[in-house]
Amino acid sequence: MFEVAKIQNGLYGLVGIRQPFNPNLPTLSVDNTNSKSGLFVDEIPPFKLELLKETQDYEDISDTDFNTLLEQQQKTAIANLMYKVFDKGGYIDRNYLYTQTNIRQNIENTIESGSVFGYEIEISDRKNVAFKITNCRCEFSFDVATMNATIYLMNTNVQTPLYSKQIALTKNNELIALNWVVDSTMNDYKGCYYLVVKADNPTQRLQPFKRDYDDSNEMNNISEIEAEKVVFNSFSITDFVANENVNVKYVSENVGLNPDITVYEDYTDLILQNSFLFARALQLEYAIHLLMQIATSTRSNRNERMGKDIVSMIMINVNGTTNNTDVNVKGYKSNLYYEIKNIKSEIERLKQNYFTSQLTVDTVC
């Protein structure tokens, strides 16, 4: 698995398009003409920027919008290529910390109300293991109609919260969407994490419900991470940055948060650190993507430059031919398949360094 947006931003500009000599064509931005690899889409015939321009739905598209379009198309090609290369995923585990039924009736009265509640989360030493907090159930009683609070995710090695989200609680079982990702592209990402919630108004009280129904207090084991319940009796971002353990207390009581956590093998850093491995395949993927847009355009062309012969030429170059009466042409899709096969072989070799370790390192919280 990988973070699509990070990969798209990191690999954008790996392949470029040369500025045509025709002064009537759009002036391309530096980002679109830049090629870190030295490979260009216009090296793949029969692609021509003029054909792409003439087949746009809006005939008078501006240079700015045309450059935006090219950026979007290159990023789409990047994502498409990554999904073809990494088609087996890297799922390890996923669960809520608690899944047993809880009636949410009795309140935890041994924890000081108004405290900051949450978890200390430690990720394993295994290389390139990432986790994502997709959702979090907030199971609290409160004495106002709407409780305004903020959920934070912090790392002991980072000076500011990694993520924060202001929430408005109106019921005792509020599901909050977070989609917070912790992966190997973050500096010192093996440190300890704190997922906590704090009432925005210090005079208002958050009170967790007890998990006292049957076995509702049994916490699930999630592979590659350890979670411990904590309470901060006094909490501020400034104090946390200075010393995260200054007011933290480990507790056995329920703390009111129930996060949904997915753990997976993360290829984001591997891709970014080895971007040139994907250059030739991206050149082909990007070219195929643009050529198919030209061939399938529904816009009528006044200059009649998009005749059936050009469309036929594009389809032959993309798909190839196997007609025994003609000269066989090996299409770009076949070339792309070959490049992807080679990339997969190289990735398997690289994974030995990225996902295994000969060293044992104790993470200190």
Protein backbone atom coordinates (compact mmCIF):
# COMPACT_ATOMS: atom_id res chain seq x y z
CA MET A 1 0.00 0.00 0.00
CA PHE A 2 1.09 3.58 -0.51
CA GLU A 3 -0.11 7.14 -0.05
CA VAL A 4 -1.37 8.20 -3.47
CA ALA A 5 -1.09 11.97 -3.00
CA LYS A 6 2.49 11.74 -1.70
CA ILE A 7 3.50 9.54 -4.62
CA GLN A 8 1.81 11.80 -7.18
CA ASN A 9 3.54 14.89 -5.79
CA GLY A 10 6.88 13.12 -5.43
CA LEU A 11 6.98 11.63 -8.94
CA TYR A 12 5.39 14.56 -10.77
CA GLY A 13 8.03 15.89 -13.16
CA LEU A 14 9.81 12.55 -13.50
CA VAL A 15 8.69 12.60 -17.14
CA GLY A 16 7.99 15.76 -19.16
CA ILE A 17 6.65 17.10 -22.45
CA ARG A 18 8.88 19.27 -24.63
CA GLN A 19 7.68 22.71 -25.64
CA PRO A 20 6.77 22.53 -29.37
CA PHE A 21 8.29 25.07 -31.76
CA ASN A 22 4.83 26.03 -33.05
CA PRO A 23 4.14 29.46 -31.46
CA ASN A 24 0.39 28.89 -31.78
CA LEU A 25 0.44 26.07 -29.26
CA PRO A 26 0.11 26.65 -25.50
CA THR A 27 3.18 27.70 -23.57
CA LEU A 28 3.89 24.87 -21.18
CA SER A 29 4.85 25.49 -17.58
CA VAL A 30 8.30 24.62 -16.28
CA ASP A 31 6.74 21.84 -14.20
CA ASN A 32 5.21 20.22 -17.28
CA THR A 33 8.34 20.49 -19.44
CA ASN A 34 10.65 19.37 -16.65
CA SER A 35 11.90 15.78 -16.88
CA LYS A 36 14.03 14.56 -13.99
CA SER A 37 14.67 11.33 -15.86
CA GLY A 38 15.38 12.86 -19.26
CA LEU A 39 12.40 11.02 -20.77
CA PHE A 40 9.62 12.84 -22.61
CA VAL A 41 6.15 11.81 -23.74
CA ASP A 42 6.65 13.35 -27.18
CA GLU A 43 9.32 10.68 -27.78
CA ILE A 44 6.43 8.21 -28.01
CA PRO A 45 4.85 8.47 -31.50
CA PRO A 46 2.28 9.36 -32.66
CA PHE A 47 1.76 11.65 -29.66
CA LYS A 48 1.78 15.34 -30.54
CA LEU A 49 0.77 18.14 -28.23
CA GLU A 50 -1.14 19.72 -31.10
CA LEU A 51 -3.44 16.70 -31.34
CA LEU A 52 -4.14 16.78 -27.62
CA LYS A 53 -4.91 20.48 -27.74
CA GLU A 54 -7.25 20.13 -30.73
CA THR A 55 -9.27 17.35 -29.11
CA GLN A 56 -10.10 19.22 -25.90
CA ASP A 57 -13.80 19.62 -25.19
CA TYR A 58 -13.37 23.38 -24.88
CA GLU A 59 -11.81 24.70 -28.06
CA ASP A 60 -10.57 27.95 -26.48
CA ILE A 61 -9.00 26.39 -23.40
CA SER A 62 -6.48 28.81 -21.87
CA ASP A 63 -2.78 28.06 -21.47
CA THR A 64 -3.22 28.04 -17.70
CA ASP A 65 -6.07 25.53 -17.81
CA PHE A 66 -4.22 23.41 -20.36
CA ASN A 67 -1.19 23.24 -18.05
CA THR A 68 -3.47 22.30 -15.17
CA LEU A 69 -4.94 19.56 -17.34
CA LEU A 70 -1.48 18.16 -18.13
CA GLU A 71 -0.54 18.17 -14.45
CA GLN A 72 -3.73 16.29 -13.60
CA GLN A 73 -3.17 13.77 -16.38
CA GLN A 74 0.42 13.09 -15.36
CA LYS A 75 -0.65 12.54 -11.75
CA THR A 76 -3.42 10.22 -12.93
CA ALA A 77 -0.84 8.24 -14.93
CA ILE A 78 1.41 8.05 -11.85
CA ALA A 79 -1.41 6.62 -9.73
CA ASN A 80 -2.44 4.18 -12.48
CA LEU A 81 1.13 2.91 -12.80
CA MET A 82 1.56 2.43 -9.05
CA TYR A 83 -1.63 0.39 -8.81
CA LYS A 84 -0.37 -1.85 -11.62
CA VAL A 85 3.01 -2.37 -9.98
CA PHE A 86 1.74 -2.77 -6.40
CA ASP A 87 -1.32 -4.85 -7.17
CA LYS A 88 -1.08 -7.20 -4.20
CA GLY A 89 -1.51 -4.63 -1.44
CA GLY A 90 0.25 -4.87 1.92
CA TYR A 91 -2.53 -5.34 4.45
CA ILE A 92 -1.40 -6.64 7.86
CA ASP A 93 -4.26 -6.10 10.31
CA ARG A 94 -7.26 -3.91 11.03
CA ASN A 95 -9.68 -3.58 13.92
CA TYR A 96 -11.23 -1.31 16.51
CA LEU A 97 -9.45 -1.50 19.85
CA TYR A 98 -12.79 -2.64 21.27
CA THR A 99 -15.44 -4.61 19.41
CA GLN A 100 -17.51 -6.19 22.20
CA THR A 101 -20.92 -4.69 22.99
CA ASN A 102 -20.99 -1.87 25.53
CA ILE A 103 -24.20 -0.43 26.98
CA ARG A 104 -22.69 3.02 27.76
CA GLN A 105 -24.60 3.57 30.98
CA ASN A 106 -22.29 3.84 33.97
CA ILE A 107 -19.63 6.54 34.11
CA GLU A 108 -15.99 6.06 35.03
CA ASN A 109 -15.96 7.89 38.37
CA THR A 110 -12.41 7.04 39.42
CA ILE A 111 -10.87 9.25 36.71
CA GLU A 112 -10.90 12.97 37.32
CA SER A 113 -13.56 14.46 35.05
CA GLY A 114 -12.28 17.00 32.57
CA SER A 115 -9.03 15.15 32.07
CA VAL A 116 -7.49 14.53 28.68
CA PHE A 117 -8.07 10.91 27.73
CA GLY A 118 -6.51 8.65 25.12
CA TYR A 119 -3.85 6.12 24.22
CA GLU A 120 -0.13 5.80 23.98
CA ILE A 121 0.49 3.93 20.72
CA GLU A 122 3.84 2.36 19.89
CA ILE A 123 4.60 0.93 16.45
CA SER A 124 6.83 -2.13 16.12
CA ASP A 125 10.47 -2.00 15.04
CA ARG A 126 9.63 -3.83 11.83
CA LYS A 127 10.67 -1.66 8.88
CA ASN A 128 8.17 0.31 6.81
CA VAL A 129 5.10 -0.67 8.79
CA ALA A 130 2.49 2.08 8.70
CA PHE A 131 -0.84 2.55 10.38
CA LYS A 132 -3.94 4.56 9.62
CA ILE A 133 -6.61 5.70 12.06
CA THR A 134 -9.66 5.76 9.82
CA ASN A 135 -12.35 6.47 12.39
CA CYS A 136 -12.69 6.93 16.11
CA ARG A 137 -15.75 6.37 18.27
CA CYS A 138 -16.14 8.90 21.07
CA GLU A 139 -18.04 7.31 23.95
CA PHE A 140 -18.50 10.03 26.53
CA SER A 141 -21.13 11.51 28.77
CA PHE A 142 -21.17 15.30 28.99
CA ASP A 143 -23.30 17.93 30.69
CA VAL A 144 -24.00 20.21 27.71
CA ALA A 145 -26.12 19.76 24.58
CA THR A 146 -23.07 19.97 22.31
CA MET A 147 -19.60 19.21 23.55
CA ASN A 148 -16.89 20.92 21.50
CA ALA A 149 -13.60 19.11 21.73
CA THR A 150 -10.39 18.44 19.79
CA ILE A 151 -8.76 15.13 18.97
CA TYR A 152 -4.98 15.16 18.63
CA LEU A 153 -2.40 12.71 17.33
CA MET A 154 1.08 13.55 18.53
CA ASN A 155 4.53 12.03 18.23
CA THR A 156 7.16 12.36 20.93
CA ASN A 157 9.79 13.39 18.37
CA VAL A 158 7.77 16.12 16.65
CA GLN A 159 7.34 19.65 17.97
CA THR A 160 3.70 20.10 16.91
CA PRO A 161 0.70 17.75 16.65
CA LEU A 162 0.80 15.55 13.56
CA TYR A 163 -2.96 15.86 13.23
CA SER A 164 -5.78 17.58 15.03
CA LYS A 165 -9.52 17.81 14.44
CA GLN A 166 -12.15 19.89 16.17
CA ILE A 167 -15.32 17.92 16.79
CA ALA A 168 -18.83 18.61 18.08
CA LEU A 169 -20.23 15.76 20.16
CA THR A 170 -24.03 15.58 20.42
CA LYS A 171 -24.51 11.94 21.48
CA ASN A 172 -22.74 9.37 23.64
CA ASN A 173 -21.54 7.29 20.69
CA GLU A 174 -20.25 9.69 18.06
CA LEU A 175 -18.34 8.25 15.10
CA ILE A 176 -15.63 10.66 13.94
CA ALA A 177 -13.92 10.23 10.55
CA LEU A 178 -10.17 10.94 10.77
CA ASN A 179 -8.19 9.11 8.04
CA TRP A 180 -4.90 9.96 9.74
CA VAL A 181 -1.87 8.19 8.25
CA VAL A 182 1.44 7.51 9.95
CA ASP A 183 4.02 6.17 7.50
CA SER A 184 7.73 5.96 6.80
CA THR A 185 7.88 9.35 5.06
CA MET A 186 7.53 11.03 8.46
CA ASN A 187 10.74 11.83 10.31
CA ASP A 188 11.40 9.64 13.36
CA TYR A 189 8.12 7.87 12.77
CA LYS A 190 9.07 5.00 15.09
CA GLY A 191 8.54 7.17 18.17
CA CYS A 192 5.59 6.88 20.54
CA TYR A 193 2.25 8.37 19.57
CA TYR A 194 -0.50 9.81 21.70
CA LEU A 195 -4.10 9.82 20.48
CA VAL A 196 -6.02 12.03 22.89
CA VAL A 197 -9.20 14.09 23.13
CA LYS A 198 -9.59 17.34 25.05
CA ALA A 199 -12.63 19.49 25.74
CA ASP A 200 -12.22 22.93 24.16
CA ASN A 201 -13.85 24.66 27.12
CA PRO A 202 -11.94 23.85 30.32
CA THR A 203 -15.08 24.35 32.43
CA GLN A 204 -16.92 21.54 30.61
CA ARG A 205 -16.46 17.88 31.43
CA LEU A 206 -15.87 14.80 29.32
CA GLN A 207 -16.71 11.62 31.22
CA PRO A 208 -15.92 8.19 29.70
CA PHE A 209 -18.41 5.38 30.11
CA LYS A 210 -17.36 2.21 31.89
CA ARG A 211 -16.95 -0.95 29.85
CA ASP A 212 -18.69 -3.12 32.41
CA TYR A 213 -21.00 -5.20 30.23
CA ASP A 214 -19.86 -8.84 29.97
CA ASP A 215 -16.41 -8.83 28.29
CA SER A 216 -16.73 -5.38 26.69
CA ASN A 217 -13.51 -4.22 28.36
CA GLU A 218 -11.34 -6.72 26.46
CA MET A 219 -9.00 -4.81 24.17
CA ASN A 220 -8.22 -6.39 20.82
CA ASN A 221 -4.66 -7.17 19.81
CA ILE A 222 -3.66 -5.43 16.57
CA SER A 223 -0.53 -6.71 14.86
CA GLU A 224 2.60 -4.53 14.97
CA ILE A 225 1.29 -1.93 17.43
CA GLU A 226 0.88 -1.67 21.20
CA ALA A 227 -1.74 0.59 22.77
CA GLU A 228 -1.98 1.62 26.43
CA LYS A 229 -4.70 3.75 28.00
CA VAL A 230 -3.50 7.06 29.42
CA VAL A 231 -4.83 10.14 31.13
CA PHE A 232 -3.27 13.60 31.24
CA ASN A 233 -4.52 15.34 34.38
CA SER A 234 -2.98 18.56 33.07
CA PHE A 235 -2.31 19.00 29.38
CA SER A 236 -1.14 21.60 26.91
CA ILE A 237 0.71 21.30 23.61
CA THR A 238 3.57 23.35 25.07
CA ASP A 239 3.93 21.03 28.05
CA PHE A 240 3.75 17.96 25.82
CA VAL A 241 6.52 19.22 23.56
CA ALA A 242 8.71 20.01 26.57
CA ASN A 243 8.14 16.63 28.23
CA GLU A 244 5.41 14.33 27.08
CA ASN A 245 5.57 12.30 30.29
CA VAL A 246 5.23 15.21 32.68
CA ASN A 247 1.56 14.60 33.48
CA VAL A 248 0.76 11.28 31.83
CA LYS A 249 -0.76 8.47 33.86
CA TYR A 250 -1.35 4.90 32.69
CA VAL A 251 -4.81 3.69 33.68
CA SER A 252 -6.89 0.52 33.48
CA GLU A 253 -10.24 2.34 33.18
CA ASN A 254 -11.94 3.04 29.86
CA VAL A 255 -10.82 6.32 28.30
CA GLY A 256 -13.79 6.88 25.97
CA LEU A 257 -11.96 6.66 22.62
CA ASN A 258 -12.27 3.62 20.39
CA PRO A 259 -10.13 4.07 17.27
CA ASP A 260 -10.37 1.96 14.12
CA ILE A 261 -6.76 1.18 13.16
CA THR A 262 -5.41 -0.38 9.97
CA VAL A 263 -1.81 -1.63 9.90
CA TYR A 264 -0.09 -2.26 6.57
CA GLU A 265 3.22 -2.56 4.76
CA ASP A 266 3.94 0.89 3.37
CA TYR A 267 5.68 1.30 0.01
CA THR A 268 5.56 5.11 -0.04
CA ASP A 269 9.15 5.71 1.00
CA LEU A 270 10.44 2.87 -1.19
CA ILE A 271 8.77 4.45 -4.24
CA LEU A 272 9.97 7.97 -3.51
CA GLN A 273 13.54 6.91 -2.79
CA ASN A 274 13.70 4.82 -5.97
CA SER A 275 11.67 7.06 -8.29
CA PHE A 276 13.92 6.58 -11.32
CA LEU A 277 13.07 2.90 -11.29
CA PHE A 278 9.63 3.89 -12.60
CA ALA A 279 10.69 6.44 -15.24
CA ARG A 280 10.42 4.36 -18.43
CA ALA A 281 7.16 2.75 -17.31
CA LEU A 282 5.73 6.16 -16.45
CA GLN A 283 6.73 7.51 -19.85
CA LEU A 284 4.73 4.70 -21.48
CA GLU A 285 1.78 4.95 -19.06
CA TYR A 286 1.53 8.72 -19.49
CA ALA A 287 1.80 8.46 -23.29
CA ILE A 288 -0.83 5.72 -23.50
CA HIS A 289 -3.13 7.75 -21.27
CA LEU A 290 -2.86 10.86 -23.44
CA LEU A 291 -3.04 8.96 -26.73
CA MET A 292 -6.25 7.25 -25.66
CA GLN A 293 -7.75 10.61 -24.75
CA ILE A 294 -6.95 11.83 -28.25
CA ALA A 295 -8.33 8.71 -29.92
CA THR A 296 -11.57 8.67 -27.93
CA SER A 297 -12.33 12.40 -28.10
CA THR A 298 -15.88 13.22 -29.21
CA ARG A 299 -15.02 16.73 -30.28
CA SER A 300 -15.40 17.35 -34.04
CA ASN A 301 -12.25 18.77 -35.53
CA ARG A 302 -12.69 21.61 -37.99
CA ASN A 303 -9.25 21.09 -39.49
CA GLU A 304 -10.04 17.41 -40.07
CA ARG A 305 -6.69 16.47 -38.57
CA MET A 306 -8.32 13.82 -36.44
CA GLY A 307 -9.23 11.54 -39.33
CA LYS A 308 -9.82 7.84 -39.00
CA ASP A 309 -6.26 7.16 -40.11
CA ILE A 310 -4.81 8.99 -37.09
CA VAL A 311 -7.16 7.21 -34.69
CA SER A 312 -6.25 3.90 -36.30
CA MET A 313 -2.54 4.71 -36.00
CA ILE A 314 -2.93 5.50 -32.32
CA MET A 315 -4.81 2.27 -31.57
CA ILE A 316 -2.23 0.19 -33.45
CA ASN A 317 0.65 1.80 -31.55
CA VAL A 318 -1.10 1.40 -28.20
CA ASN A 319 -2.52 -2.10 -28.60
CA GLY A 320 -0.28 -3.57 -31.31
CA THR A 321 -1.44 -5.88 -34.10
CA THR A 322 -1.52 -9.64 -34.54
CA ASN A 323 -3.09 -9.72 -38.01
CA ASN A 324 -1.20 -12.28 -40.08
CA THR A 325 -1.76 -10.24 -43.24
CA ASP A 326 0.10 -7.24 -41.84
CA VAL A 327 3.45 -6.67 -40.22
CA ASN A 328 3.00 -7.39 -36.53
CA VAL A 329 3.41 -4.34 -34.30
CA LYS A 330 4.29 -4.68 -30.61
CA GLY A 331 2.08 -2.11 -28.89
CA TYR A 332 2.99 0.21 -26.05
CA LYS A 333 0.78 -1.75 -23.66
CA SER A 334 2.96 -4.79 -24.28
CA ASN A 335 6.08 -2.71 -23.65
CA LEU A 336 4.53 -1.34 -20.47
CA TYR A 337 3.72 -4.85 -19.24
CA TYR A 338 7.36 -5.81 -19.77
CA GLU A 339 8.58 -2.75 -17.83
CA ILE A 340 6.17 -3.45 -14.97
CA LYS A 341 7.34 -7.06 -14.80
CA ASN A 342 10.96 -5.88 -14.45
CA ILE A 343 9.98 -3.30 -11.83
CA LYS A 344 8.22 -5.95 -9.76
CA SER A 345 11.33 -8.10 -9.79
CA GLU A 346 13.45 -5.17 -8.64
CA ILE A 347 10.91 -4.26 -5.95
CA GLU A 348 11.12 -7.77 -4.51
CA ARG A 349 14.87 -7.32 -4.19
CA LEU A 350 14.54 -3.90 -2.60
CA LYS A 351 11.93 -5.14 -0.14
CA GLN A 352 14.56 -7.32 1.51
CA ASN A 353 16.22 -4.11 2.70
CA TYR A 354 13.05 -2.11 3.35
CA PHE A 355 10.92 -4.63 5.19
CA THR A 356 13.41 -6.72 7.14
CA SER A 357 16.01 -5.69 9.65
CA GLN A 358 19.03 -7.34 11.21
CA LEU A 359 19.04 -4.87 14.07
CA THR A 360 16.83 -4.84 17.12
CA VAL A 361 16.11 -1.34 18.37
CA ASP A 362 14.25 -0.57 21.57
CA THR A 363 11.86 2.35 21.10
CA VAL A 364 11.89 4.64 24.11
CA CYS A 365 8.69 6.56 24.82
